[in-house]
Amino acid sequence: MQNRKKNMIETNDVLLVHEQDQPIGEMEKLDAQYQDHLHRALSVFILNEQGELLPQ
């Protein structure tokens, strides 16, 4: 499992899921978005004390 996670991070892959959120495969993030596949995603926003967004 650890190797799979590391590989997904290195290749920018996302986990594809079906309508009940069960994993069904992996795909490169941009391909999954352009082909309108359901996938798990997480966004993190970091703000400084002035409320400014830290660019990623």
PDB file of N, CA and C in Angstrom:
ATOM      1  N   MET A   1       0.828  -1.201   0.000  1.00  0.00           N
ATOM      2  CA  MET A   1       0.000   0.000   0.000  1.00  0.00           C
ATOM      3  C   MET A   1       0.868   1.258   0.000  1.00  0.00           C
ATOM      4  N   GLN A   2       1.924   1.270   0.801  1.00  0.00           N
ATOM      5  CA  GLN A   2       2.801   2.439   0.886  1.00  0.00           C
ATOM      6  C   GLN A   2       3.446   2.733  -0.468  1.00  0.00           C
ATOM      7  N   ASN A   3       3.910   1.711  -1.179  1.00  0.00           N
ATOM      8  CA  ASN A   3       4.519   1.910  -2.491  1.00  0.00           C
ATOM      9  C   ASN A   3       3.519   2.477  -3.484  1.00  0.00           C
ATOM     10  N   ARG A   4       2.261   2.020  -3.412  1.00  0.00           N
ATOM     11  CA  ARG A   4       1.219   2.523  -4.311  1.00  0.00           C
ATOM     12  C   ARG A   4       0.981   4.011  -4.074  1.00  0.00           C
ATOM     13  N   LYS A   5       0.903   4.421  -2.800  1.00  0.00           N
ATOM     14  CA  LYS A   5       0.706   5.834  -2.477  1.00  0.00           C
ATOM     15  C   LYS A   5       1.874   6.668  -2.997  1.00  0.00           C
ATOM     16  N   LYS A   6       3.089   6.181  -2.776  1.00  0.00           N
ATOM     17  CA  LYS A   6       4.272   6.909  -3.235  1.00  0.00           C
ATOM     18  C   LYS A   6       4.248   7.048  -4.750  1.00  0.00           C
ATOM     19  N   ASN A   7       3.910   5.985  -5.465  1.00  0.00           N
ATOM     20  CA  ASN A   7       3.855   6.027  -6.920  1.00  0.00           C
ATOM     21  C   ASN A   7       2.799   7.017  -7.400  1.00  0.00           C
ATOM     22  N   MET A   8       1.630   7.058  -6.746  1.00  0.00           N
ATOM     23  CA  MET A   8       0.575   7.988  -7.145  1.00  0.00           C
ATOM     24  C   MET A   8       1.024   9.429  -6.965  1.00  0.00           C
ATOM     25  N   ILE A   9       1.758   9.706  -5.906  1.00  0.00           N
ATOM     26  CA  ILE A   9       2.246  11.064  -5.674  1.00  0.00           C
ATOM     27  C   ILE A   9       3.273  11.451  -6.732  1.00  0.00           C
ATOM     28  N   GLU A  10       4.204  10.549  -7.025  1.00  0.00           N
ATOM     29  CA  GLU A  10       5.259  10.843  -7.998  1.00  0.00           C
ATOM     30  C   GLU A  10       4.703  11.047  -9.402  1.00  0.00           C
ATOM     31  N   THR A  11       3.609  10.369  -9.740  1.00  0.00           N
ATOM     32  CA  THR A  11       3.065  10.471 -11.099  1.00  0.00           C
ATOM     33  C   THR A  11       1.874  11.407 -11.195  1.00  0.00           C
ATOM     34  N   ASN A  12       1.443  11.987 -10.079  1.00  0.00           N
ATOM     35  CA  ASN A  12       0.292  12.889 -10.037  1.00  0.00           C
ATOM     36  C   ASN A  12      -0.995  12.164 -10.427  1.00  0.00           C
ATOM     37  N   ASP A  13      -1.110  10.899 -10.002  1.00  0.00           N
ATOM     38  CA  ASP A  13      -2.308  10.107 -10.273  1.00  0.00           C
ATOM     39  C   ASP A  13      -3.350  10.361  -9.198  1.00  0.00           C
ATOM     40  N   VAL A  14      -4.615  10.100  -9.557  1.00  0.00           N
ATOM     41  CA  VAL A  14      -5.725  10.160  -8.612  1.00  0.00           C
ATOM     42  C   VAL A  14      -6.400   8.802  -8.589  1.00  0.00           C
ATOM     43  N   LEU A  15      -7.140   8.552  -7.529  1.00  0.00           N
ATOM     44  CA  LEU A  15      -7.875   7.314  -7.372  1.00  0.00           C
ATOM     45  C   LEU A  15      -9.259   7.488  -7.995  1.00  0.00           C
ATOM     46  N   LEU A  16      -9.559   6.689  -9.012  1.00  0.00           N
ATOM     47  CA  LEU A  16     -10.876   6.721  -9.636  1.00  0.00           C
ATOM     48  C   LEU A  16     -11.856   5.946  -8.771  1.00  0.00           C
ATOM     49  N   VAL A  17     -13.094   6.432  -8.683  1.00  0.00           N
ATOM     50  CA  VAL A  17     -14.135   5.775  -7.886  1.00  0.00           C
ATOM     51  C   VAL A  17     -15.428   5.715  -8.686  1.00  0.00           C
ATOM     52  N   HIS A  18     -16.338   4.792  -8.276  1.00  0.00           N
ATOM     53  CA  HIS A  18     -17.663   4.786  -8.902  1.00  0.00           C
ATOM     54  C   HIS A  18     -18.622   5.582  -8.023  1.00  0.00           C
ATOM     55  N   GLU A  19     -19.897   5.588  -8.374  1.00  0.00           N
ATOM     56  CA  GLU A  19     -20.880   6.450  -7.715  1.00  0.00           C
ATOM     57  C   GLU A  19     -20.990   6.232  -6.202  1.00  0.00           C
ATOM     58  N   GLN A  20     -20.638   5.021  -5.722  1.00  0.00           N
ATOM     59  CA  GLN A  20     -20.682   4.754  -4.287  1.00  0.00           C
ATOM     60  C   GLN A  20     -19.311   4.942  -3.631  1.00  0.00           C
ATOM     61  N   ASP A  21     -18.402   5.640  -4.298  1.00  0.00           N
ATOM     62  CA  ASP A  21     -17.077   5.983  -3.784  1.00  0.00           C
ATOM     63  C   ASP A  21     -16.185   4.768  -3.546  1.00  0.00           C
ATOM     64  N   GLN A  22     -16.386   3.705  -4.289  1.00  0.00           N
ATOM     65  CA  GLN A  22     -15.514   2.538  -4.200  1.00  0.00           C
ATOM     66  C   GLN A  22     -14.425   2.664  -5.253  1.00  0.00           C
ATOM     67  N   PRO A  23     -13.163   2.433  -4.885  1.00  0.00           N
ATOM     68  CA  PRO A  23     -12.059   2.560  -5.842  1.00  0.00           C
ATOM     69  C   PRO A  23     -12.209   1.590  -7.018  1.00  0.00           C
ATOM     70  N   ILE A  24     -11.940   2.107  -8.220  1.00  0.00           N
ATOM     71  CA  ILE A  24     -12.019   1.256  -9.415  1.00  0.00           C
ATOM     72  C   ILE A  24     -10.758   1.358 -10.276  1.00  0.00           C
ATOM     73  N   GLY A  25      -9.804   2.212  -9.902  1.00  0.00           N
ATOM     74  CA  GLY A  25      -8.578   2.324 -10.680  1.00  0.00           C
ATOM     75  C   GLY A  25      -7.848   3.615 -10.381  1.00  0.00           C
ATOM     76  N   GLU A  26      -6.833   3.861 -11.181  1.00  0.00           N
ATOM     77  CA  GLU A  26      -6.025   5.082 -11.053  1.00  0.00           C
ATOM     78  C   GLU A  26      -5.859   5.708 -12.432  1.00  0.00           C
ATOM     79  N   MET A  27      -5.640   7.017 -12.447  1.00  0.00           N
ATOM     80  CA  MET A  27      -5.436   7.733 -13.704  1.00  0.00           C
ATOM     81  C   MET A  27      -4.706   9.033 -13.405  1.00  0.00           C
ATOM     82  N   GLU A  28      -3.977   9.549 -14.355  1.00  0.00           N
ATOM     83  CA  GLU A  28      -3.319  10.840 -14.212  1.00  0.00           C
ATOM     84  C   GLU A  28      -4.390  11.896 -13.960  1.00  0.00           C
ATOM     85  N   LYS A  29      -4.125  12.802 -13.030  1.00  0.00           N
ATOM     86  CA  LYS A  29      -5.120  13.766 -12.568  1.00  0.00           C
ATOM     87  C   LYS A  29      -5.769  14.567 -13.700  1.00  0.00           C
ATOM     88  N   LEU A  30      -4.985  15.153 -14.568  1.00  0.00           N
ATOM     89  CA  LEU A  30      -5.564  15.968 -15.640  1.00  0.00           C
ATOM     90  C   LEU A  30      -6.405  15.137 -16.593  1.00  0.00           C
ATOM     91  N   ASP A  31      -5.970  13.912 -16.902  1.00  0.00           N
ATOM     92  CA  ASP A  31      -6.766  13.040 -17.769  1.00  0.00           C
ATOM     93  C   ASP A  31      -8.116  12.742 -17.122  1.00  0.00           C
ATOM     94  N   ALA A  32      -8.114  12.442 -15.826  1.00  0.00           N
ATOM     95  CA  ALA A  32      -9.363  12.138 -15.119  1.00  0.00           C
ATOM     96  C   ALA A  32     -10.304  13.342 -15.146  1.00  0.00           C
ATOM     97  N   GLN A  33      -9.763  14.539 -14.993  1.00  0.00           N
ATOM     98  CA  GLN A  33     -10.603  15.738 -15.006  1.00  0.00           C
ATOM     99  C   GLN A  33     -11.145  16.018 -16.409  1.00  0.00           C
ATOM    100  N   TYR A  34     -10.299  15.942 -17.420  1.00  0.00           N
ATOM    101  CA  TYR A  34     -10.735  16.217 -18.789  1.00  0.00           C
ATOM    102  C   TYR A  34     -11.727  15.183 -19.295  1.00  0.00           C
ATOM    103  N   GLN A  35     -11.592  13.928 -18.845  1.00  0.00           N
ATOM    104  CA  GLN A  35     -12.488  12.864 -19.290  1.00  0.00           C
ATOM    105  C   GLN A  35     -13.701  12.716 -18.368  1.00  0.00           C
ATOM    106  N   ASP A  36     -13.815  13.615 -17.389  1.00  0.00           N
ATOM    107  CA  ASP A  36     -14.969  13.702 -16.493  1.00  0.00           C
ATOM    108  C   ASP A  36     -15.200  12.421 -15.687  1.00  0.00           C
ATOM    109  N   HIS A  37     -14.112  11.804 -15.205  1.00  0.00           N
ATOM    110  CA  HIS A  37     -14.213  10.628 -14.339  1.00  0.00           C
ATOM    111  C   HIS A  37     -14.363  11.071 -12.893  1.00  0.00           C
ATOM    112  N   LEU A  38     -15.128  10.302 -12.114  1.00  0.00           N
ATOM    113  CA  LEU A  38     -15.193  10.547 -10.683  1.00  0.00           C
ATOM    114  C   LEU A  38     -13.868  10.139 -10.066  1.00  0.00           C
ATOM    115  N   HIS A  39     -13.350  10.990  -9.183  1.00  0.00           N
ATOM    116  CA  HIS A  39     -12.087  10.681  -8.511  1.00  0.00           C
ATOM    117  C   HIS A  39     -12.038  11.396  -7.174  1.00  0.00           C
ATOM    118  N   ARG A  40     -11.210  10.870  -6.297  1.00  0.00           N
ATOM    119  CA  ARG A  40     -11.036  11.494  -4.986  1.00  0.00           C
ATOM    120  C   ARG A  40     -10.061  12.648  -5.101  1.00  0.00           C
ATOM    121  N   ALA A  41     -10.385  13.725  -4.409  1.00  0.00           N
ATOM    122  CA  ALA A  41      -9.520  14.904  -4.469  1.00  0.00           C
ATOM    123  C   ALA A  41      -9.514  15.593  -3.109  1.00  0.00           C
ATOM    124  N   LEU A  42      -8.450  16.306  -2.862  1.00  0.00           N
ATOM    125  CA  LEU A  42      -8.302  17.062  -1.625  1.00  0.00           C
ATOM    126  C   LEU A  42      -7.572  18.350  -1.965  1.00  0.00           C
ATOM    127  N   SER A  43      -8.094  19.446  -1.476  1.00  0.00           N
ATOM    128  CA  SER A  43      -7.426  20.734  -1.665  1.00  0.00           C
ATOM    129  C   SER A  43      -7.060  21.300  -0.299  1.00  0.00           C
ATOM    130  N   VAL A  44      -5.882  21.882  -0.219  1.00  0.00           N
ATOM    131  CA  VAL A  44      -5.427  22.503   1.025  1.00  0.00           C
ATOM    132  C   VAL A  44      -5.071  23.949   0.706  1.00  0.00           C
ATOM    133  N   PHE A  45      -5.620  24.854   1.482  1.00  0.00           N
ATOM    134  CA  PHE A  45      -5.331  26.271   1.310  1.00  0.00           C
ATOM    135  C   PHE A  45      -4.617  26.759   2.563  1.00  0.00           C
ATOM    136  N   ILE A  46      -3.459  27.372   2.383  1.00  0.00           N
ATOM    137  CA  ILE A  46      -2.688  27.886   3.505  1.00  0.00           C
ATOM    138  C   ILE A  46      -2.683  29.409   3.422  1.00  0.00           C
ATOM    139  N   LEU A  47      -3.122  30.040   4.507  1.00  0.00           N
ATOM    140  CA  LEU A  47      -3.184  31.500   4.570  1.00  0.00           C
ATOM    141  C   LEU A  47      -2.193  31.995   5.606  1.00  0.00           C
ATOM    142  N   ASN A  48      -1.594  33.156   5.330  1.00  0.00           N
ATOM    143  CA  ASN A  48      -0.727  33.768   6.338  1.00  0.00           C
ATOM    144  C   ASN A  48      -1.583  34.609   7.295  1.00  0.00           C
ATOM    145  N   GLU A  49      -0.954  35.291   8.225  1.00  0.00           N
ATOM    146  CA  GLU A  49      -1.672  36.056   9.239  1.00  0.00           C
ATOM    147  C   GLU A  49      -2.488  37.209   8.628  1.00  0.00           C
ATOM    148  N   GLN A  50      -2.125  37.648   7.433  1.00  0.00           N
ATOM    149  CA  GLN A  50      -2.862  38.722   6.763  1.00  0.00           C
ATOM    150  C   GLN A  50      -4.003  38.161   5.906  1.00  0.00           C
ATOM    151  N   GLY A  51      -4.185  36.851   5.920  1.00  0.00           N
ATOM    152  CA  GLY A  51      -5.254  36.243   5.138  1.00  0.00           C
ATOM    153  C   GLY A  51      -4.900  36.026   3.679  1.00  0.00           C
ATOM    154  N   GLU A  52      -3.626  36.183   3.344  1.00  0.00           N
ATOM    155  CA  GLU A  52      -3.192  36.001   1.958  1.00  0.00           C
ATOM    156  C   GLU A  52      -2.934  34.514   1.697  1.00  0.00           C
ATOM    157  N   LEU A  53      -3.312  34.078   0.518  1.00  0.00           N
ATOM    158  CA  LEU A  53      -3.153  32.685   0.134  1.00  0.00           C
ATOM    159  C   LEU A  53      -1.717  32.398  -0.261  1.00  0.00           C
ATOM    160  N   LEU A  54      -1.183  31.301   0.268  1.00  0.00           N
ATOM    161  CA  LEU A  54       0.171  30.851  -0.108  1.00  0.00           C
ATOM    162  C   LEU A  54       0.064  30.122  -1.438  1.00  0.00           C
ATOM    163  N   PRO A  55       0.713  30.613  -2.482  1.00  0.00           N
ATOM    164  CA  PRO A  55       0.655  29.922  -3.780  1.00  0.00           C
ATOM    165  C   PRO A  55       1.293  28.536  -3.682  1.00  0.00           C
ATOM    166  N   GLN A  56       0.700  27.600  -4.398  1.00  0.00           N
ATOM    167  CA  GLN A  56       1.217  26.236  -4.389  1.00  0.00           C
ATOM    168  C   GLN A  56       1.958  25.942  -5.674  1.00  0.00           C
TER     169      GLN A  56
END
